[in-house]
């Protein structure tokens, strides 16, 4: 039996525990990668172009609704 079939045969409560456990582990891994990448690029100048683009997008949407 494959591991997918083993999961399919489990009760709903067990499936929910597995889902939450996987979600927590993935969250911890994402936070760890974020912290590591932040420390690696701490001395690099900040690139704010993404935030400027998002801000322009919000401004454009707001301007379209004013008309």
Protein backbone atom coordinates (compact mmCIF):
# COMPACT_ATOMS: atom_id res chain seq x y z
CA UNK A 1 0.00 0.00 0.00
CA UNK A 2 1.32 3.45 -0.86
CA UNK A 3 1.52 6.23 1.69
CA UNK A 4 -1.34 8.05 -0.08
CA UNK A 5 -3.61 5.06 0.39
CA UNK A 6 -2.56 4.87 4.04
CA UNK A 7 -3.60 8.50 4.51
CA UNK A 8 -6.89 7.93 2.66
CA UNK A 9 -7.73 5.07 5.04
CA UNK A 10 -7.25 7.20 8.17
CA UNK A 11 -10.10 8.82 10.05
CA UNK A 12 -11.05 12.45 9.49
CA UNK A 13 -9.46 13.49 12.81
CA UNK A 14 -6.17 11.83 11.90
CA UNK A 15 -6.19 13.49 8.47
CA UNK A 16 -6.72 16.90 10.07
CA UNK A 17 -3.80 16.29 12.45
CA UNK A 18 -1.59 15.37 9.51
CA UNK A 19 -2.66 18.49 7.60
CA UNK A 20 -1.95 20.76 10.60
CA UNK A 21 1.40 19.10 11.25
CA UNK A 22 2.48 19.55 7.63
CA UNK A 23 1.26 23.17 7.62
CA UNK A 24 3.21 23.95 10.82
CA UNK A 25 6.38 22.32 9.50
CA UNK A 26 6.13 24.21 6.20
CA UNK A 27 5.52 27.46 8.11
CA UNK A 28 8.58 26.89 10.27
CA UNK A 29 10.69 26.13 7.19
CA UNK A 30 9.48 29.29 5.44
CA UNK A 31 10.28 31.41 8.49
CA UNK A 32 13.73 29.81 8.73
CA UNK A 33 14.46 30.52 5.05
CA UNK A 34 13.22 34.09 5.53
CA UNK A 35 15.49 34.66 8.55
CA UNK A 36 18.51 33.14 6.81
CA UNK A 37 17.96 35.18 3.65
CA UNK A 38 17.47 38.32 5.73
CA UNK A 39 20.78 37.79 7.50
CA UNK A 40 22.59 37.12 4.23
CA UNK A 41 21.33 40.35 2.66
CA UNK A 42 21.47 42.55 5.75
CA UNK A 43 24.25 44.77 4.38
CA UNK A 44 22.82 45.03 0.86
CA UNK A 45 20.85 48.15 -0.06
CA UNK A 46 17.10 47.75 0.17
CA UNK A 47 15.24 47.32 -3.10
CA UNK A 48 11.95 49.19 -2.74
CA UNK A 49 10.83 49.00 -6.36
CA UNK A 50 8.30 46.25 -5.59
CA UNK A 51 6.62 48.42 -2.96
CA UNK A 52 6.62 51.42 -5.29
CA UNK A 53 5.00 49.34 -8.03
CA UNK A 54 2.33 48.06 -5.67
CA UNK A 55 1.71 51.60 -4.45
CA UNK A 56 1.33 52.86 -8.03
CA UNK A 57 -1.11 50.01 -8.71
CA UNK A 58 -3.28 50.99 -5.74
CA UNK A 59 -3.14 54.63 -6.82
CA UNK A 60 -4.19 53.69 -10.37
CA UNK A 61 -7.13 51.64 -9.09
CA UNK A 62 -8.17 54.49 -6.78
CA UNK A 63 -7.92 57.00 -9.65
CA UNK A 64 -10.06 54.76 -11.90
CA UNK A 65 -12.87 54.70 -9.33
CA UNK A 66 -12.80 58.49 -8.91
CA UNK A 67 -13.77 59.06 -12.54
